[in-house]
Amino acid sequence: MLLEEKPQSADKAVDPKPDSSLHQDDSSIDSIDKDVAATIVSNHAESFHPAIERKVLRKIDLYLIPWMWVGYGFVYYDKAILGSAVLFGMTKDLSLTVVDTSTRPPTRDTSRLSWATSMFYFGMLAGLFPMTFLLQRLQVGRVLGILVIIWGMIAMLTAAVTTWHGLFAQRFFLGFVESVIPTAFMCIVSGYYTQQEQALRQSWWFSSTGAWTIIGGALNYGFAQISGGSLARWQYIYLLAGSLTVIFGILCFAVPNSPVSAWFLSTEERRIAVERLRKGQTGVRCQKLKKSQILEAALDVKIWLVSFMMAAAYTVNGAVSGFGPLIVSTFG
């Protein structure tokens, strides 16, 4: 037996009925005011052997981290394709640059390409609140599955864009739906890991941006060698990226809402996973927005420091992902 036995009080009767709440799904909670962890654990903390906790932790890592690593890699890959696509004909086909021949020597205006890069982030900014609300009120797997498939379809539809105006619209909506991924992954990490474990796990899935710079570049170069067919080379790249994203979206439907309903854990392992989080008093999942918690977050200086840090990081990230391949191509 995994659990450490606790002595029973002499004046406390033992309920002979099995605890059916262990098999409850998150959706069966009577009130969204309660944390779903209340369905499988008691009001009093239970202790487990550290070796057992480590075994459960490794199992959670095995199922969640590779999936998040691939998912965030697709986020970076899909938004960074623009930088590669301009090298394979998109600039000319969609008139993303304008040459002014009235000057000597002629000058090239790349502001349309700059705005196409920026539109992705405008869309992400617009989508953060509604996506966060959906993740808070609905099941994570269903929200991710539907939105990631839509994201993949938007990426594939880029091949049908014929003007720079259409590209602006595509980039905006691509950023809008992709904004669900970072928010969802942070919610998942906070719902499965203790505060001491979260920073390392966040860095693991975020590290995929570096790896997918290499993987994505190789894929783009390979598909750009296609010389036959009726499509331009950059259109094949977008069809590839969108197809891979749709496949990933189908897999997202299998993501459990919380440790309480984690299908890859046994009933006993679910209890251990939840009890691990009790020490940090972070809870598992509560589907009600509480004004007191919003106010507390707004007044927390750490929230603002993280905001400034991410703003600085994404400023550099956007420039490198959007113009990196174009800059490298000028080296000779």
Protein backbone atom coordinates (compact mmCIF):
# COMPACT_ATOMS: atom_id res chain seq x y z
CA MET A 1 0.00 0.00 0.00
CA LEU A 2 1.40 3.39 -0.99
CA LEU A 3 -0.10 5.47 1.78
CA GLU A 4 1.44 5.63 5.21
CA GLU A 5 -1.01 4.27 7.70
CA LYS A 6 -2.46 6.67 10.23
CA PRO A 7 -3.87 5.47 13.58
CA GLN A 8 -7.62 5.57 13.87
CA SER A 9 -9.20 7.36 16.80
CA ALA A 10 -11.04 5.05 19.19
CA ASP A 11 -14.18 7.20 19.24
CA LYS A 12 -14.26 7.65 15.48
CA ALA A 13 -16.30 5.14 13.50
CA VAL A 14 -14.84 3.91 10.26
CA ASP A 15 -17.11 4.26 7.26
CA PRO A 16 -17.25 0.83 5.59
CA LYS A 17 -18.41 2.32 2.29
CA PRO A 18 -15.77 2.87 -0.37
CA ASP A 19 -14.87 6.44 -1.21
CA SER A 20 -16.66 6.90 -4.52
CA SER A 21 -15.38 10.46 -4.79
CA LEU A 22 -12.04 9.10 -5.92
CA HIS A 23 -13.61 8.34 -9.27
CA GLN A 24 -15.34 11.70 -9.71
CA ASP A 25 -14.51 13.81 -12.69
CA ASP A 26 -13.90 17.55 -12.39
CA SER A 27 -17.22 18.24 -14.08
CA SER A 28 -19.14 16.62 -11.24
CA ILE A 29 -18.27 19.30 -8.71
CA ASP A 30 -21.43 20.72 -7.17
CA SER A 31 -20.06 24.23 -6.91
CA ILE A 32 -17.38 26.01 -8.90
CA ASP A 33 -16.48 27.86 -5.71
CA LYS A 34 -14.63 24.79 -4.45
CA ASP A 35 -11.24 23.55 -5.53
CA VAL A 36 -11.55 20.24 -7.36
CA ALA A 37 -8.97 18.73 -5.00
CA ALA A 38 -11.71 18.56 -2.37
CA THR A 39 -13.23 15.62 -4.25
CA ILE A 40 -10.39 13.19 -3.54
CA VAL A 41 -8.59 14.35 -0.40
CA SER A 42 -9.72 15.00 3.13
CA ASN A 43 -9.51 18.24 5.08
CA HIS A 44 -6.42 16.97 6.87
CA ALA A 45 -3.03 16.62 5.22
CA GLU A 46 -1.57 13.18 4.65
CA SER A 47 2.13 12.39 4.40
CA PHE A 48 3.74 10.01 1.92
CA HIS A 49 7.16 8.50 1.57
CA PRO A 50 9.46 10.81 -0.47
CA ALA A 51 10.32 7.96 -2.85
CA ILE A 52 6.63 7.56 -3.71
CA GLU A 53 6.25 11.29 -4.33
CA ARG A 54 9.28 11.28 -6.62
CA LYS A 55 7.80 8.38 -8.59
CA VAL A 56 4.55 10.31 -9.13
CA LEU A 57 6.51 13.44 -10.07
CA ARG A 58 8.52 11.53 -12.68
CA LYS A 59 5.33 10.14 -14.16
CA ILE A 60 3.80 13.62 -14.43
CA ASP A 61 6.99 14.90 -16.07
CA LEU A 62 6.99 12.01 -18.54
CA TYR A 63 3.47 12.72 -19.77
CA LEU A 64 3.27 16.52 -19.64
CA ILE A 65 6.70 18.01 -20.33
CA PRO A 66 7.35 16.43 -23.79
CA TRP A 67 3.84 17.39 -24.89
CA MET A 68 4.29 21.01 -23.74
CA TRP A 69 7.76 21.16 -25.29
CA VAL A 70 6.39 20.19 -28.69
CA GLY A 71 3.38 22.49 -28.33
CA TYR A 72 5.37 25.60 -27.51
CA GLY A 73 7.78 24.68 -30.28
CA PHE A 74 4.88 24.88 -32.73
CA VAL A 75 3.99 28.32 -31.35
CA TYR A 76 7.46 29.58 -32.15
CA TYR A 77 7.66 27.73 -35.46
CA ASP A 78 4.35 29.01 -36.83
CA LYS A 79 5.03 32.63 -35.98
CA ALA A 80 8.65 32.50 -37.17
CA ILE A 81 7.79 31.01 -40.57
CA LEU A 82 7.28 34.52 -41.89
CA GLY A 83 11.00 35.16 -41.65
CA SER A 84 11.74 32.14 -43.85
CA ALA A 85 8.81 32.65 -46.19
CA VAL A 86 10.06 36.08 -47.28
CA LEU A 87 13.22 34.39 -48.55
CA PHE A 88 11.22 32.03 -50.78
CA GLY A 89 9.00 34.41 -52.71
CA MET A 90 6.43 35.79 -50.25
CA THR A 91 7.92 39.29 -50.32
CA LYS A 92 7.41 39.57 -54.06
CA ASP A 93 4.12 37.67 -54.26
CA LEU A 94 2.41 39.77 -51.56
CA SER A 95 4.22 43.05 -52.24
CA LEU A 96 5.67 43.23 -48.73
CA THR A 97 8.43 45.58 -49.84
CA VAL A 98 8.12 48.73 -51.92
CA VAL A 99 11.05 50.04 -53.94
CA ASP A 100 11.25 53.81 -54.34
CA THR A 101 13.00 54.45 -57.66
CA SER A 102 12.78 58.22 -57.29
CA THR A 103 15.83 58.20 -55.03
CA ARG A 104 19.45 57.57 -55.96
CA PRO A 105 20.22 54.84 -55.18
CA PRO A 106 16.69 53.33 -55.00
CA THR A 107 15.46 52.69 -51.45
CA ARG A 108 13.39 49.77 -50.22
CA ASP A 109 10.53 50.28 -47.78
CA THR A 110 9.98 47.17 -45.58
CA SER A 111 7.35 48.69 -43.29
CA ARG A 112 4.67 46.24 -44.56
CA LEU A 113 6.83 43.33 -43.47
CA SER A 114 7.40 45.02 -40.11
CA TRP A 115 3.67 45.48 -39.61
CA ALA A 116 3.00 41.87 -40.62
CA THR A 117 5.37 40.78 -37.86
CA SER A 118 3.73 43.13 -35.35
CA MET A 119 0.18 42.04 -36.17
CA PHE A 120 0.89 38.65 -34.61
CA TYR A 121 1.60 40.26 -31.27
CA PHE A 122 -1.39 42.58 -31.52
CA GLY A 123 -3.53 39.49 -31.99
CA MET A 124 -1.88 37.75 -29.05
CA LEU A 125 -2.50 40.80 -26.85
CA ALA A 126 -6.17 40.87 -27.89
CA GLY A 127 -6.61 37.16 -27.24
CA LEU A 128 -5.03 36.88 -23.80
CA PHE A 129 -8.10 37.89 -21.77
CA PRO A 130 -10.76 35.82 -23.59
CA MET A 131 -8.44 32.80 -23.72
CA THR A 132 -7.68 33.07 -20.02
CA PHE A 133 -11.39 33.29 -19.28
CA LEU A 134 -12.13 30.18 -21.35
CA LEU A 135 -9.38 28.23 -19.62
CA GLN A 136 -10.71 29.31 -16.24
CA ARG A 137 -14.31 28.27 -16.87
CA LEU A 138 -14.04 25.29 -19.25
CA GLN A 139 -12.03 22.09 -19.46
CA VAL A 140 -8.45 22.68 -20.52
CA GLY A 141 -8.25 19.78 -22.99
CA ARG A 142 -11.37 20.79 -24.90
CA VAL A 143 -10.37 24.46 -25.09
CA LEU A 144 -6.88 23.59 -26.28
CA GLY A 145 -8.03 20.96 -28.75
CA ILE A 146 -10.53 23.23 -30.50
CA LEU A 147 -8.34 26.34 -30.55
CA VAL A 148 -5.16 24.57 -31.63
CA ILE A 149 -6.99 22.95 -34.58
CA ILE A 150 -8.33 26.40 -35.54
CA TRP A 151 -4.79 27.77 -35.23
CA GLY A 152 -3.52 25.04 -37.58
CA MET A 153 -6.24 25.80 -40.10
CA ILE A 154 -5.37 29.51 -40.02
CA ALA A 155 -1.73 28.63 -40.66
CA MET A 156 -2.67 26.46 -43.65
CA LEU A 157 -4.96 29.17 -45.03
CA THR A 158 -1.96 31.46 -45.28
CA ALA A 159 -1.24 29.63 -48.54
CA ALA A 160 -4.46 31.18 -49.90
CA VAL A 161 -3.44 34.76 -49.07
CA THR A 162 -2.84 36.87 -52.18
CA THR A 163 -2.27 40.38 -50.78
CA TRP A 164 -0.40 41.97 -47.91
CA HIS A 165 -3.76 43.07 -46.47
CA GLY A 166 -4.80 39.43 -46.18
CA LEU A 167 -1.48 38.59 -44.54
CA PHE A 168 -2.12 41.24 -41.89
CA ALA A 169 -5.48 39.61 -41.08
CA GLN A 170 -3.94 36.14 -41.02
CA ARG A 171 -1.17 37.21 -38.65
CA PHE A 172 -3.62 38.89 -36.28
CA PHE A 173 -5.90 35.87 -35.95
CA LEU A 174 -2.92 33.53 -35.74
CA GLY A 175 -1.65 35.45 -32.72
CA PHE A 176 -5.18 35.60 -31.27
CA VAL A 177 -5.62 31.82 -31.11
CA GLU A 178 -1.98 31.05 -30.27
CA SER A 179 -2.25 33.20 -27.14
CA VAL A 180 -4.03 30.26 -25.49
CA ILE A 181 -0.85 28.15 -25.37
CA PRO A 182 1.41 30.07 -22.94
CA THR A 183 -1.53 30.75 -20.62
CA ALA A 184 -2.69 27.12 -20.70
CA PHE A 185 0.80 25.77 -20.08
CA MET A 186 1.31 28.04 -17.08
CA CYS A 187 -2.05 26.92 -15.69
CA ILE A 188 -1.11 23.27 -16.19
CA VAL A 189 2.27 23.69 -14.50
CA SER A 190 0.76 25.50 -11.52
CA GLY A 191 -1.87 22.76 -11.20
CA TYR A 192 0.55 19.82 -11.15
CA TYR A 193 3.76 21.12 -9.55
CA THR A 194 4.75 22.72 -6.28
CA GLN A 195 6.10 26.26 -6.21
CA GLN A 196 9.66 24.96 -5.88
CA GLU A 197 9.23 22.81 -9.00
CA GLN A 198 7.42 25.25 -11.27
CA ALA A 199 10.32 27.46 -12.40
CA LEU A 200 12.30 24.51 -13.74
CA ARG A 201 9.28 23.03 -15.54
CA GLN A 202 8.39 26.38 -17.10
CA SER A 203 11.94 26.66 -18.42
CA TRP A 204 11.77 23.16 -19.91
CA TRP A 205 8.85 23.85 -22.24
CA PHE A 206 10.03 27.40 -22.95
CA SER A 207 13.42 26.02 -24.05
CA SER A 208 11.78 24.55 -27.15
CA THR A 209 12.07 27.95 -28.86
CA GLY A 210 15.81 27.40 -29.25
CA ALA A 211 15.47 23.84 -30.49
CA TRP A 212 12.69 24.70 -32.92
CA THR A 213 14.80 27.47 -34.40
CA ILE A 214 16.98 24.63 -35.67
CA ILE A 215 14.21 22.13 -36.43
CA GLY A 216 11.99 24.72 -38.11
CA GLY A 217 14.84 26.06 -40.21
CA ALA A 218 15.65 22.57 -41.46
CA LEU A 219 12.00 21.82 -42.29
CA ASN A 220 11.57 25.15 -44.08
CA TYR A 221 14.71 24.63 -46.13
CA GLY A 222 13.65 21.13 -47.11
CA PHE A 223 10.16 22.10 -48.24
CA ALA A 224 11.52 25.18 -49.99
CA GLN A 225 13.37 22.86 -52.37
CA ILE A 226 10.07 21.75 -53.91
CA SER A 227 10.21 22.92 -57.51
CA GLY A 228 7.10 21.27 -58.95
CA GLY A 229 3.44 21.87 -58.33
CA SER A 230 1.24 24.92 -58.76
CA LEU A 231 2.09 26.55 -55.43
CA ALA A 232 4.94 28.81 -54.44
CA ARG A 233 7.60 27.41 -52.15
CA TRP A 234 6.51 29.51 -49.17
CA GLN A 235 2.97 28.16 -49.52
CA TYR A 236 4.17 24.58 -49.06
CA ILE A 237 5.93 25.65 -45.86
CA TYR A 238 2.69 27.00 -44.38
CA LEU A 239 0.75 23.91 -45.39
CA LEU A 240 3.31 21.76 -43.57
CA ALA A 241 3.23 23.87 -40.42
CA GLY A 242 -0.55 23.97 -40.31
CA SER A 243 -0.86 20.21 -40.82
CA LEU A 244 1.52 19.46 -37.95
CA THR A 245 -0.39 21.86 -35.72
CA VAL A 246 -3.74 20.23 -36.48
CA ILE A 247 -2.31 16.84 -35.50
CA PHE A 248 -1.05 18.35 -32.25
CA GLY A 249 -4.50 19.87 -31.65
CA ILE A 250 -6.14 16.45 -31.85
CA LEU A 251 -3.75 15.20 -29.17
CA CYS A 252 -4.68 18.14 -26.95
CA PHE A 253 -8.14 16.67 -26.33
CA ALA A 254 -6.45 14.02 -24.16
CA VAL A 255 -5.06 16.60 -21.73
CA PRO A 256 -6.65 16.11 -18.28
CA ASN A 257 -8.23 19.07 -16.55
CA SER A 258 -6.20 18.60 -13.37
CA PRO A 259 -4.45 15.87 -11.35
CA VAL A 260 -7.89 14.88 -10.08
CA SER A 261 -8.83 13.55 -13.53
CA ALA A 262 -5.36 12.66 -14.83
CA TRP A 263 -5.93 9.45 -16.79
CA PHE A 264 -2.24 8.55 -16.73
CA LEU A 265 -2.24 8.36 -12.91
CA SER A 266 -3.83 5.69 -10.79
CA THR A 267 -6.41 6.61 -8.14
CA GLU A 268 -3.78 6.48 -5.42
CA GLU A 269 -1.31 8.48 -7.49
CA ARG A 270 -3.92 11.18 -8.03
CA ARG A 271 -4.28 11.57 -4.26
CA ILE A 272 -0.52 11.81 -3.89
CA ALA A 273 -0.31 14.38 -6.71
CA VAL A 274 -2.91 16.54 -4.99
CA GLU A 275 -1.43 16.17 -1.51
CA ARG A 276 1.92 17.36 -2.86
CA LEU A 277 0.33 20.69 -3.72
CA ARG A 278 -1.27 21.14 -0.30
CA LYS A 279 2.09 22.13 1.18
CA GLY A 280 2.30 25.21 -1.03
CA GLN A 281 -1.38 26.07 -0.47
CA THR A 282 -1.77 26.86 -4.16
CA GLY A 283 -4.78 24.64 -4.78
CA VAL A 284 -5.36 22.56 -7.89
CA ARG A 285 -8.18 24.13 -9.89
CA CYS A 286 -11.02 26.44 -8.91
CA GLN A 287 -13.29 27.63 -11.74
CA LYS A 288 -14.45 30.89 -10.22
CA LEU A 289 -12.88 34.31 -10.62
CA LYS A 290 -12.47 35.94 -7.24
CA LYS A 291 -12.06 39.71 -6.91
CA SER A 292 -9.85 39.39 -3.85
CA GLN A 293 -7.36 37.25 -5.77
CA ILE A 294 -7.36 39.62 -8.75
CA LEU A 295 -6.67 42.57 -6.45
CA GLU A 296 -3.93 40.67 -4.66
CA ALA A 297 -2.23 39.87 -7.97
CA ALA A 298 -2.54 43.45 -9.21
CA LEU A 299 -0.80 44.75 -6.09
CA ASP A 300 1.98 42.17 -6.15
CA VAL A 301 5.22 43.77 -7.31
CA LYS A 302 6.47 40.40 -8.64
CA ILE A 303 3.65 40.37 -11.20
CA TRP A 304 4.81 43.70 -12.60
CA LEU A 305 8.46 42.65 -12.62
CA VAL A 306 7.58 39.53 -14.62
CA SER A 307 5.49 41.68 -16.99
CA PHE A 308 8.41 44.00 -17.72
CA MET A 309 10.75 41.04 -18.10
CA MET A 310 8.47 39.31 -20.63
CA ALA A 311 7.92 42.57 -22.52
CA ALA A 312 11.68 42.95 -22.94
CA ALA A 313 12.08 39.29 -23.93
CA TYR A 314 9.30 39.37 -26.54
CA THR A 315 10.61 42.61 -28.05
CA VAL A 316 13.85 40.87 -28.92
CA ASN A 317 12.09 37.61 -29.75
CA GLY A 318 9.80 39.31 -32.26
CA ALA A 319 12.64 41.03 -34.06
CA VAL A 320 14.77 37.89 -34.30
CA SER A 321 11.93 35.58 -35.36
CA GLY A 322 10.56 38.02 -37.92
CA PHE A 323 13.75 39.34 -39.48
CA GLY A 324 16.43 36.82 -38.47
CA PRO A 325 16.49 34.81 -41.74
CA LEU A 326 16.30 37.99 -43.81
CA ILE A 327 19.24 39.51 -41.94
CA VAL A 328 21.30 36.33 -42.30
CA SER A 329 20.58 36.23 -46.04
CA THR A 330 22.36 39.60 -46.46
CA PHE A 331 25.63 38.25 -45.07
CA GLY A 332 26.67 36.95 -48.48
